[in-house]
C-alpha cells in the first residue's frame, strides 16, 4: 500500500505523557537522552521514523456519514528513545478499507533504558460514506492485517434537515 497518497492525521499535543518514570529521570539528572524525546519538537528526517504495529485498535460505534469518524490506537514503547508521530491513513472507499501506518520518532544515539511507556493516539478519519469499513494496520515488515471494523450508519435527519442527535463535547474520558 506504499503507492497511496498518505494523509497525516491530526494529533493533539500531549497525548504522550512523561509519567513518574520520566520525571524521576529528570530529577536524578540522568542523561538528556532519557527525557528529550518527550520535550523535543517532532523530527523531520525520515531515517529517524519507524513503523510500529499498535497493540490495540479501538473503533467507537455510533458514527454516521455526517460525523468525523475516529479510530483510537494504543500500544507501548520499550524505551524513552521513541516518541509518538502522526499516523498516516489511507481510506479506500471502493473496498471499504482504512489503512493505518502507525509511526514513531526514534532518537538516534539515545541512552536506551528498557521501560514500558504506553501511548494512545486518536486517528481522525473524517466523514465517510455509509458502510462497514475494515481497519488494517501495518506491521514492522510492511504487511497490513485487519484489526477492527468501523461501521458508518446512515444519518437520520429531522424536519429542519439537521442531525437529530446532539453530542456533548468530550475531551477526556
N, C-alpha and C. Protein backbone atom coordinates (compact mmCIF):
# COMPACT_ATOMS: atom_id res chain seq x y z
N UNK A 1 0.81 -1.18 0.00
CA UNK A 1 0.00 0.00 0.00
C UNK A 1 0.87 1.26 0.00
N UNK A 2 2.15 1.14 -0.29
CA UNK A 2 3.06 2.27 -0.28
C UNK A 2 2.78 3.24 -1.42
N UNK A 3 1.98 2.86 -2.43
CA UNK A 3 1.72 3.73 -3.56
C UNK A 3 0.63 4.75 -3.27
N UNK A 4 -0.07 4.65 -2.14
CA UNK A 4 -1.14 5.58 -1.82
C UNK A 4 -0.57 6.93 -1.43
N UNK A 5 -1.35 7.97 -1.62
CA UNK A 5 -1.02 9.28 -1.09
C UNK A 5 -1.52 9.31 0.34
N UNK A 6 -0.63 9.41 1.30
CA UNK A 6 -1.00 9.33 2.70
C UNK A 6 -1.51 10.67 3.20
N UNK A 7 -2.43 10.60 4.12
CA UNK A 7 -2.97 11.78 4.77
C UNK A 7 -2.49 11.74 6.21
N UNK A 8 -1.86 12.81 6.67
CA UNK A 8 -1.44 12.84 8.06
C UNK A 8 -2.64 13.16 8.93
N UNK A 9 -2.87 12.34 9.92
CA UNK A 9 -3.99 12.56 10.82
C UNK A 9 -3.60 13.58 11.87
N UNK A 10 -4.56 14.39 12.28
CA UNK A 10 -4.31 15.37 13.34
C UNK A 10 -4.07 14.67 14.65
N UNK A 11 -3.16 15.20 15.45
CA UNK A 11 -2.87 14.58 16.73
C UNK A 11 -2.72 15.68 17.77
N UNK A 12 -3.41 15.54 18.85
CA UNK A 12 -3.30 16.53 19.92
C UNK A 12 -1.94 16.42 20.58
N UNK A 13 -1.34 17.56 20.84
CA UNK A 13 -0.09 17.57 21.59
C UNK A 13 -0.39 17.11 23.00
N UNK A 14 0.50 16.40 23.58
CA UNK A 14 0.33 15.99 24.97
C UNK A 14 -0.32 14.64 25.14
N UNK A 15 -0.58 13.91 24.05
CA UNK A 15 -1.14 12.58 24.22
C UNK A 15 -0.13 11.66 24.89
N UNK A 16 1.14 11.92 24.65
CA UNK A 16 2.19 11.15 25.31
C UNK A 16 2.55 11.90 26.58
N UNK A 17 2.44 11.25 27.71
CA UNK A 17 2.74 11.91 28.97
C UNK A 17 4.05 11.36 29.52
N UNK A 18 4.79 12.21 30.20
CA UNK A 18 6.09 11.81 30.73
C UNK A 18 5.91 10.77 31.81
N UNK A 19 5.00 10.95 32.74
CA UNK A 19 4.77 9.99 33.81
C UNK A 19 5.86 10.05 34.87
N UNK A 20 5.73 9.21 35.88
CA UNK A 20 6.65 9.25 37.01
C UNK A 20 8.04 8.80 36.63
N UNK A 21 8.17 7.88 35.68
CA UNK A 21 9.50 7.41 35.29
C UNK A 21 10.28 8.53 34.62
N UNK A 22 9.63 9.30 33.73
CA UNK A 22 10.29 10.41 33.07
C UNK A 22 10.66 11.50 34.05
N UNK A 23 9.77 11.79 34.99
CA UNK A 23 10.08 12.79 36.00
C UNK A 23 11.22 12.34 36.89
N UNK A 24 11.27 11.05 37.21
CA UNK A 24 12.35 10.50 38.01
C UNK A 24 13.68 10.66 37.27
N UNK A 25 13.68 10.40 35.95
CA UNK A 25 14.90 10.54 35.16
C UNK A 25 15.37 11.99 35.17
N UNK A 26 14.43 12.93 35.08
CA UNK A 26 14.80 14.34 35.11
C UNK A 26 15.32 14.75 36.49
N UNK A 27 14.67 14.26 37.54
CA UNK A 27 15.05 14.60 38.91
C UNK A 27 16.43 14.06 39.25
N UNK A 28 16.73 12.85 38.81
CA UNK A 28 18.01 12.22 39.11
C UNK A 28 19.14 12.76 38.25
N UNK A 29 18.83 13.59 37.29
CA UNK A 29 19.86 14.17 36.44
C UNK A 29 20.44 13.17 35.46
N UNK A 30 19.63 12.21 35.02
CA UNK A 30 20.11 11.23 34.05
C UNK A 30 20.38 11.92 32.73
N UNK A 31 21.12 11.30 31.83
CA UNK A 31 21.45 11.93 30.55
C UNK A 31 20.21 12.44 29.83
N UNK A 32 20.38 13.53 29.11
CA UNK A 32 19.24 14.19 28.47
C UNK A 32 18.53 13.28 27.49
N UNK A 33 19.18 12.27 26.98
CA UNK A 33 18.54 11.34 26.04
C UNK A 33 17.38 10.59 26.64
N UNK A 34 17.33 10.49 27.99
CA UNK A 34 16.24 9.79 28.64
C UNK A 34 14.93 10.53 28.51
N UNK A 35 14.95 11.85 28.57
CA UNK A 35 13.71 12.61 28.57
C UNK A 35 13.52 13.47 27.33
N UNK A 36 14.55 13.69 26.55
CA UNK A 36 14.44 14.62 25.43
C UNK A 36 13.37 14.25 24.40
N UNK A 37 13.08 12.97 24.13
CA UNK A 37 12.04 12.68 23.15
C UNK A 37 10.68 13.24 23.53
N UNK A 38 10.43 13.47 24.83
CA UNK A 38 9.13 13.97 25.24
C UNK A 38 9.01 15.47 25.04
N UNK A 39 10.11 16.18 25.05
CA UNK A 39 10.06 17.63 25.03
C UNK A 39 10.59 18.24 23.73
N UNK A 40 11.19 17.45 22.88
CA UNK A 40 11.75 17.99 21.64
C UNK A 40 10.65 18.17 20.61
N UNK A 41 10.92 18.99 19.60
CA UNK A 41 9.96 19.16 18.52
C UNK A 41 10.02 17.90 17.64
N UNK A 42 8.95 17.65 16.86
CA UNK A 42 8.94 16.45 16.02
C UNK A 42 10.12 16.43 15.04
N UNK A 43 10.67 15.26 14.85
CA UNK A 43 11.78 15.09 13.92
C UNK A 43 11.25 15.09 12.50
N UNK A 44 12.06 15.51 11.56
CA UNK A 44 11.60 15.57 10.17
C UNK A 44 12.37 14.63 9.27
N UNK A 45 13.43 14.04 9.72
CA UNK A 45 14.24 13.15 8.91
C UNK A 45 13.58 11.77 8.86
N UNK A 46 13.24 11.29 7.65
CA UNK A 46 12.56 10.01 7.52
C UNK A 46 13.38 8.84 8.06
N UNK A 47 14.69 8.97 8.09
CA UNK A 47 15.52 7.88 8.60
C UNK A 47 15.30 7.68 10.10
N UNK A 48 14.71 8.66 10.76
CA UNK A 48 14.51 8.57 12.19
C UNK A 48 13.07 8.22 12.55
N UNK A 49 12.32 7.71 11.57
CA UNK A 49 10.93 7.32 11.79
C UNK A 49 10.79 5.82 11.58
N UNK A 50 10.05 5.17 12.48
CA UNK A 50 9.81 3.74 12.36
C UNK A 50 8.32 3.46 12.36
N UNK A 51 7.92 2.40 11.70
CA UNK A 51 6.54 1.94 11.74
C UNK A 51 6.43 0.93 12.87
N UNK A 52 5.46 1.14 13.75
CA UNK A 52 5.21 0.21 14.85
C UNK A 52 3.75 -0.23 14.80
N UNK A 53 3.52 -1.53 14.87
CA UNK A 53 2.16 -2.03 14.87
C UNK A 53 1.54 -1.73 16.23
N UNK A 54 0.36 -1.09 16.25
CA UNK A 54 -0.28 -0.82 17.55
C UNK A 54 -0.72 -2.12 18.21
N UNK A 55 -0.71 -2.12 19.53
CA UNK A 55 -1.13 -3.30 20.28
C UNK A 55 -2.64 -3.43 20.32
N UNK A 56 -3.34 -2.28 20.27
CA UNK A 56 -4.79 -2.30 20.32
C UNK A 56 -5.37 -1.24 19.38
N UNK A 57 -6.43 -1.60 18.69
CA UNK A 57 -7.15 -0.67 17.83
C UNK A 57 -8.60 -0.67 18.30
N UNK A 58 -9.11 0.52 18.67
CA UNK A 58 -10.47 0.66 19.17
C UNK A 58 -11.26 1.52 18.20
N UNK A 59 -12.41 1.02 17.77
CA UNK A 59 -13.27 1.78 16.87
C UNK A 59 -14.59 2.05 17.59
N UNK A 60 -14.79 3.29 18.06
CA UNK A 60 -16.05 3.62 18.73
C UNK A 60 -17.22 3.41 17.78
N UNK A 61 -18.32 2.94 18.30
CA UNK A 61 -19.52 2.70 17.49
C UNK A 61 -20.40 3.95 17.52
N UNK A 62 -21.26 4.09 16.54
CA UNK A 62 -22.23 5.17 16.53
C UNK A 62 -21.96 6.29 15.55
N UNK A 63 -20.93 6.18 14.73
CA UNK A 63 -20.66 7.21 13.74
C UNK A 63 -21.64 7.08 12.57
N UNK A 64 -22.04 8.24 12.02
CA UNK A 64 -22.83 8.21 10.80
C UNK A 64 -22.09 9.00 9.73
N UNK A 65 -22.67 9.11 8.56
CA UNK A 65 -21.97 9.70 7.42
C UNK A 65 -21.69 11.19 7.60
N UNK A 66 -22.29 11.84 8.59
CA UNK A 66 -22.05 13.26 8.84
C UNK A 66 -20.95 13.50 9.87
N UNK A 67 -20.52 12.47 10.58
CA UNK A 67 -19.56 12.62 11.67
C UNK A 67 -18.12 12.51 11.18
N UNK A 68 -17.22 13.07 11.98
CA UNK A 68 -15.79 12.84 11.79
C UNK A 68 -15.49 11.50 12.47
N UNK A 69 -15.37 10.45 11.69
CA UNK A 69 -15.09 9.13 12.26
C UNK A 69 -13.68 9.14 12.85
N UNK A 70 -13.53 8.45 13.97
CA UNK A 70 -12.25 8.39 14.65
C UNK A 70 -11.93 6.95 15.04
N UNK A 71 -10.63 6.67 15.05
CA UNK A 71 -10.13 5.37 15.48
C UNK A 71 -9.06 5.64 16.53
N UNK A 72 -9.06 4.86 17.60
CA UNK A 72 -8.08 5.03 18.67
C UNK A 72 -7.09 3.87 18.59
N UNK A 73 -5.80 4.21 18.51
CA UNK A 73 -4.76 3.18 18.52
C UNK A 73 -3.90 3.37 19.76
N UNK A 74 -3.45 2.27 20.31
CA UNK A 74 -2.61 2.36 21.51
C UNK A 74 -1.58 1.23 21.49
N UNK A 75 -0.57 1.43 22.27
CA UNK A 75 0.50 0.45 22.37
C UNK A 75 1.49 0.90 23.42
N UNK A 76 2.71 0.43 23.31
CA UNK A 76 3.74 0.84 24.26
C UNK A 76 5.09 0.87 23.56
N UNK A 77 5.91 1.76 24.04
CA UNK A 77 7.29 1.84 23.58
C UNK A 77 8.17 1.11 24.59
N UNK A 78 9.30 0.62 24.13
CA UNK A 78 10.19 -0.13 25.01
C UNK A 78 11.24 0.74 25.67
N UNK A 79 11.29 2.04 25.30
CA UNK A 79 12.28 2.94 25.91
C UNK A 79 11.89 4.39 25.67
N UNK A 80 12.65 5.29 26.28
CA UNK A 80 12.44 6.72 26.10
C UNK A 80 12.91 7.20 24.73
N UNK A 81 13.50 6.35 23.95
CA UNK A 81 14.03 6.74 22.64
C UNK A 81 12.92 6.93 21.60
N UNK A 82 11.70 6.54 21.92
CA UNK A 82 10.58 6.64 20.99
C UNK A 82 9.65 7.77 21.39
N UNK A 83 9.02 8.38 20.37
CA UNK A 83 8.04 9.43 20.59
C UNK A 83 6.92 9.25 19.57
N UNK A 84 5.69 9.51 19.95
CA UNK A 84 4.55 9.35 19.06
C UNK A 84 4.68 10.29 17.87
N UNK A 85 4.48 9.76 16.67
CA UNK A 85 4.44 10.54 15.44
C UNK A 85 3.02 10.49 14.88
N UNK A 86 2.64 11.46 14.07
CA UNK A 86 1.30 11.41 13.50
C UNK A 86 1.13 10.17 12.62
N UNK A 87 0.07 9.40 12.82
CA UNK A 87 -0.15 8.25 11.95
C UNK A 87 -0.57 8.69 10.56
N UNK A 88 -0.31 7.86 9.58
CA UNK A 88 -0.72 8.13 8.21
C UNK A 88 -1.88 7.20 7.89
N UNK A 89 -2.90 7.76 7.24
CA UNK A 89 -4.07 6.94 6.91
C UNK A 89 -4.38 7.03 5.43
N UNK A 90 -4.99 5.98 4.93
CA UNK A 90 -5.48 5.94 3.55
C UNK A 90 -6.84 5.26 3.60
N UNK A 91 -7.84 5.93 3.07
CA UNK A 91 -9.18 5.36 3.03
C UNK A 91 -9.49 4.93 1.61
N UNK A 92 -9.77 3.66 1.44
CA UNK A 92 -10.18 3.12 0.14
C UNK A 92 -11.69 2.91 0.21
N UNK A 93 -12.45 3.91 -0.26
CA UNK A 93 -13.90 3.85 -0.15
C UNK A 93 -14.52 2.79 -1.05
N UNK A 94 -13.85 2.43 -2.13
CA UNK A 94 -14.38 1.42 -3.05
C UNK A 94 -14.41 0.04 -2.39
N UNK A 95 -13.37 -0.29 -1.62
CA UNK A 95 -13.32 -1.60 -0.98
C UNK A 95 -13.64 -1.54 0.50
N UNK A 96 -14.02 -0.36 1.02
CA UNK A 96 -14.38 -0.16 2.43
C UNK A 96 -13.24 -0.59 3.35
N UNK A 97 -12.06 -0.07 3.08
CA UNK A 97 -10.89 -0.38 3.91
C UNK A 97 -10.18 0.90 4.33
N UNK A 98 -9.69 0.90 5.56
CA UNK A 98 -8.92 2.02 6.09
C UNK A 98 -7.55 1.47 6.47
N UNK A 99 -6.50 2.01 5.84
CA UNK A 99 -5.13 1.56 6.11
C UNK A 99 -4.46 2.57 7.03
N UNK A 100 -3.85 2.08 8.11
CA UNK A 100 -3.17 2.95 9.07
C UNK A 100 -1.71 2.54 9.19
N UNK A 101 -0.84 3.54 9.02
CA UNK A 101 0.59 3.34 9.28
C UNK A 101 0.89 4.10 10.56
N UNK A 102 1.17 3.37 11.63
CA UNK A 102 1.43 3.95 12.94
C UNK A 102 2.93 4.21 13.06
N UNK A 103 3.31 5.48 13.01
CA UNK A 103 4.73 5.85 13.04
C UNK A 103 5.18 6.29 14.41
N UNK A 104 6.48 6.17 14.65
CA UNK A 104 7.10 6.66 15.88
C UNK A 104 8.43 7.29 15.51
N UNK A 105 8.74 8.41 16.17
CA UNK A 105 10.04 9.03 16.00
C UNK A 105 11.03 8.30 16.89
N UNK A 106 12.25 8.10 16.40
CA UNK A 106 13.29 7.44 17.17
C UNK A 106 14.46 8.40 17.31
N UNK A 107 14.90 8.61 18.53
CA UNK A 107 16.04 9.48 18.79
C UNK A 107 17.31 8.68 18.61
N UNK A 108 18.20 9.10 17.69
CA UNK A 108 19.45 8.35 17.48
C UNK A 108 20.39 8.52 18.67
N UNK A 109 21.21 7.51 18.90
CA UNK A 109 22.20 7.53 19.98
C UNK A 109 21.59 7.84 21.33
N UNK A 110 20.43 7.32 21.56
CA UNK A 110 19.71 7.55 22.82
C UNK A 110 20.17 6.54 23.86
N UNK A 111 20.31 6.97 25.11
CA UNK A 111 20.62 6.04 26.20
C UNK A 111 19.38 5.18 26.39
N UNK A 112 19.45 3.95 26.02
CA UNK A 112 18.28 3.08 25.94
C UNK A 112 18.05 2.33 27.24
N UNK A 113 17.05 2.75 28.00
CA UNK A 113 16.65 2.04 29.21
C UNK A 113 15.38 1.26 28.88
N UNK A 114 15.34 0.00 29.23
CA UNK A 114 14.16 -0.81 28.94
C UNK A 114 13.04 -0.46 29.90
N UNK A 115 12.02 0.20 29.37
CA UNK A 115 10.89 0.64 30.16
C UNK A 115 9.61 0.39 29.37
N UNK A 116 8.50 0.39 30.08
CA UNK A 116 7.19 0.24 29.46
C UNK A 116 6.56 1.63 29.42
N UNK A 117 6.44 2.21 28.22
CA UNK A 117 5.91 3.56 28.08
C UNK A 117 4.68 3.50 27.18
N UNK A 118 3.48 3.58 27.76
CA UNK A 118 2.25 3.48 26.96
C UNK A 118 1.99 4.75 26.16
N UNK A 119 1.30 4.58 25.05
CA UNK A 119 0.86 5.73 24.25
C UNK A 119 -0.54 5.46 23.71
N UNK A 120 -1.25 6.52 23.44
CA UNK A 120 -2.58 6.45 22.84
C UNK A 120 -2.64 7.55 21.79
N UNK A 121 -3.24 7.24 20.65
CA UNK A 121 -3.32 8.20 19.57
C UNK A 121 -4.71 8.11 18.93
N UNK A 122 -5.35 9.25 18.72
CA UNK A 122 -6.65 9.29 18.07
C UNK A 122 -6.43 9.64 16.60
N UNK A 123 -6.93 8.79 15.73
CA UNK A 123 -6.79 8.98 14.28
C UNK A 123 -8.11 9.54 13.76
N UNK A 124 -8.05 10.75 13.22
CA UNK A 124 -9.23 11.38 12.62
C UNK A 124 -9.34 10.93 11.17
N UNK A 125 -10.41 10.21 10.87
CA UNK A 125 -10.60 9.67 9.53
C UNK A 125 -11.41 10.63 8.67
N UNK A 126 -12.33 11.38 9.28
CA UNK A 126 -13.19 12.30 8.53
C UNK A 126 -14.54 11.67 8.24
N UNK A 127 -15.33 12.35 7.44
CA UNK A 127 -16.65 11.85 7.06
C UNK A 127 -16.50 10.75 6.02
N UNK A 128 -17.24 9.67 6.23
CA UNK A 128 -17.18 8.53 5.31
C UNK A 128 -18.57 8.18 4.82
N UNK A 129 -18.69 7.65 3.61
CA UNK A 129 -19.98 7.16 3.14
C UNK A 129 -20.44 5.96 3.98
N UNK A 130 -21.72 5.69 3.96
CA UNK A 130 -22.29 4.58 4.71
C UNK A 130 -21.63 3.27 4.30
N UNK A 131 -21.32 2.44 5.28
CA UNK A 131 -20.71 1.14 5.01
C UNK A 131 -20.01 0.59 6.23
N UNK A 132 -19.54 -0.64 6.13
CA UNK A 132 -18.80 -1.30 7.20
C UNK A 132 -17.35 -1.39 6.76
N UNK A 133 -16.46 -0.59 7.36
CA UNK A 133 -15.08 -0.48 6.94
C UNK A 133 -14.18 -1.40 7.76
N UNK A 134 -13.24 -2.04 7.09
CA UNK A 134 -12.21 -2.83 7.76
C UNK A 134 -11.05 -1.89 8.08
N UNK A 135 -10.52 -1.98 9.31
CA UNK A 135 -9.38 -1.18 9.71
C UNK A 135 -8.16 -2.09 9.70
N UNK A 136 -7.18 -1.75 8.86
CA UNK A 136 -5.97 -2.54 8.73
C UNK A 136 -4.78 -1.72 9.18
N UNK A 137 -3.88 -2.33 9.95
CA UNK A 137 -2.67 -1.63 10.38
C UNK A 137 -1.45 -2.33 9.81
N UNK A 138 -0.41 -1.53 9.61
CA UNK A 138 0.84 -2.05 9.05
C UNK A 138 1.77 -2.47 10.18
N UNK A 139 2.45 -3.60 9.99
CA UNK A 139 3.44 -4.02 10.98
C UNK A 139 4.83 -3.57 10.53
N UNK A 140 5.84 -3.96 11.30
CA UNK A 140 7.22 -3.53 11.04
C UNK A 140 7.76 -4.04 9.70
N UNK A 141 7.15 -5.11 9.15
CA UNK A 141 7.60 -5.69 7.89
C UNK A 141 6.85 -5.13 6.68
N UNK A 142 5.91 -4.21 6.92
CA UNK A 142 5.15 -3.62 5.83
C UNK A 142 3.91 -4.40 5.43
N UNK A 143 3.51 -5.36 6.24
CA UNK A 143 2.34 -6.19 5.94
C UNK A 143 1.13 -5.64 6.71
N UNK A 144 0.01 -5.48 6.01
CA UNK A 144 -1.21 -4.98 6.63
C UNK A 144 -2.07 -6.15 7.10
N UNK A 145 -2.69 -6.00 8.27
CA UNK A 145 -3.60 -7.01 8.78
C UNK A 145 -4.82 -6.33 9.40
N UNK A 146 -5.96 -7.01 9.32
CA UNK A 146 -7.21 -6.46 9.84
C UNK A 146 -7.17 -6.46 11.37
N UNK A 147 -7.52 -5.30 11.95
CA UNK A 147 -7.51 -5.16 13.40
C UNK A 147 -8.90 -4.90 13.97
N UNK A 148 -9.78 -4.29 13.19
CA UNK A 148 -11.10 -3.93 13.69
C UNK A 148 -12.02 -3.60 12.53
N UNK A 149 -13.29 -3.35 12.85
CA UNK A 149 -14.26 -2.89 11.88
C UNK A 149 -14.85 -1.58 12.36
N UNK A 150 -15.16 -0.69 11.43
CA UNK A 150 -15.73 0.61 11.75
C UNK A 150 -17.03 0.77 10.95
N UNK A 151 -18.18 0.56 11.62
CA UNK A 151 -19.45 0.73 10.90
C UNK A 151 -19.84 2.21 10.82
N UNK A 152 -20.24 2.66 9.64
CA UNK A 152 -20.73 4.01 9.42
C UNK A 152 -22.19 3.90 9.00
N UNK A 153 -23.08 4.48 9.82
CA UNK A 153 -24.53 4.37 9.60
C UNK A 153 -25.04 5.54 8.76
N UNK A 154 -26.24 5.37 8.25
CA UNK A 154 -26.90 6.45 7.52
C UNK A 154 -27.40 7.47 8.54
N UNK A 155 -27.16 8.74 8.26
CA UNK A 155 -27.59 9.81 9.17
C UNK A 155 -29.10 9.95 9.11
N UNK A 156 -29.70 10.20 10.27
CA UNK A 156 -31.14 10.42 10.36
C UNK A 156 -31.35 11.92 10.59
N UNK A 157 -32.17 12.53 9.75
CA UNK A 157 -32.39 13.97 9.83
C UNK A 157 -33.80 14.27 10.34
N UNK A 158 -33.95 15.40 11.03
CA UNK A 158 -35.27 15.82 11.46
C UNK A 158 -35.89 16.70 10.37
N UNK A 159 -37.04 17.32 10.65
CA UNK A 159 -37.75 18.11 9.65
C UNK A 159 -36.94 19.31 9.15
N UNK A 160 -36.06 19.85 10.01
CA UNK A 160 -35.25 21.00 9.60
C UNK A 160 -33.99 20.58 8.84
N UNK A 161 -33.79 19.31 8.64
CA UNK A 161 -32.62 18.84 7.91
C UNK A 161 -31.37 18.72 8.76
N UNK A 162 -31.56 18.71 10.09
CA UNK A 162 -30.42 18.58 10.99
C UNK A 162 -30.32 17.16 11.50
N UNK A 163 -29.11 16.79 11.84
CA UNK A 163 -28.87 15.52 12.51
C UNK A 163 -29.66 15.56 13.81
N UNK A 164 -30.43 14.53 14.13
CA UNK A 164 -31.32 14.60 15.29
C UNK A 164 -30.66 14.21 16.61
N UNK A 165 -29.37 14.05 16.65
CA UNK A 165 -28.69 13.75 17.90
C UNK A 165 -27.71 14.87 18.22
N UNK A 166 -27.76 15.35 19.46
CA UNK A 166 -26.79 16.33 19.92
C UNK A 166 -25.71 15.57 20.69
N UNK A 167 -24.47 15.93 20.45
CA UNK A 167 -23.36 15.24 21.09
C UNK A 167 -22.65 16.20 22.04
N UNK A 168 -22.42 15.75 23.25
CA UNK A 168 -21.70 16.55 24.21
C UNK A 168 -20.22 16.56 23.84
N UNK A 169 -19.55 17.71 23.97
CA UNK A 169 -18.11 17.73 23.67
C UNK A 169 -17.33 16.99 24.76
N UNK A 170 -16.68 15.93 24.38
CA UNK A 170 -15.90 15.13 25.33
C UNK A 170 -14.45 15.23 24.91
N UNK A 171 -13.61 15.72 25.82
CA UNK A 171 -12.19 15.85 25.50
C UNK A 171 -11.36 14.82 26.22
N UNK A 172 -11.84 14.32 27.36
CA UNK A 172 -11.08 13.32 28.11
C UNK A 172 -12.05 12.44 28.87
N UNK A 173 -11.93 11.15 28.72
CA UNK A 173 -12.85 10.25 29.41
C UNK A 173 -12.10 9.34 30.33
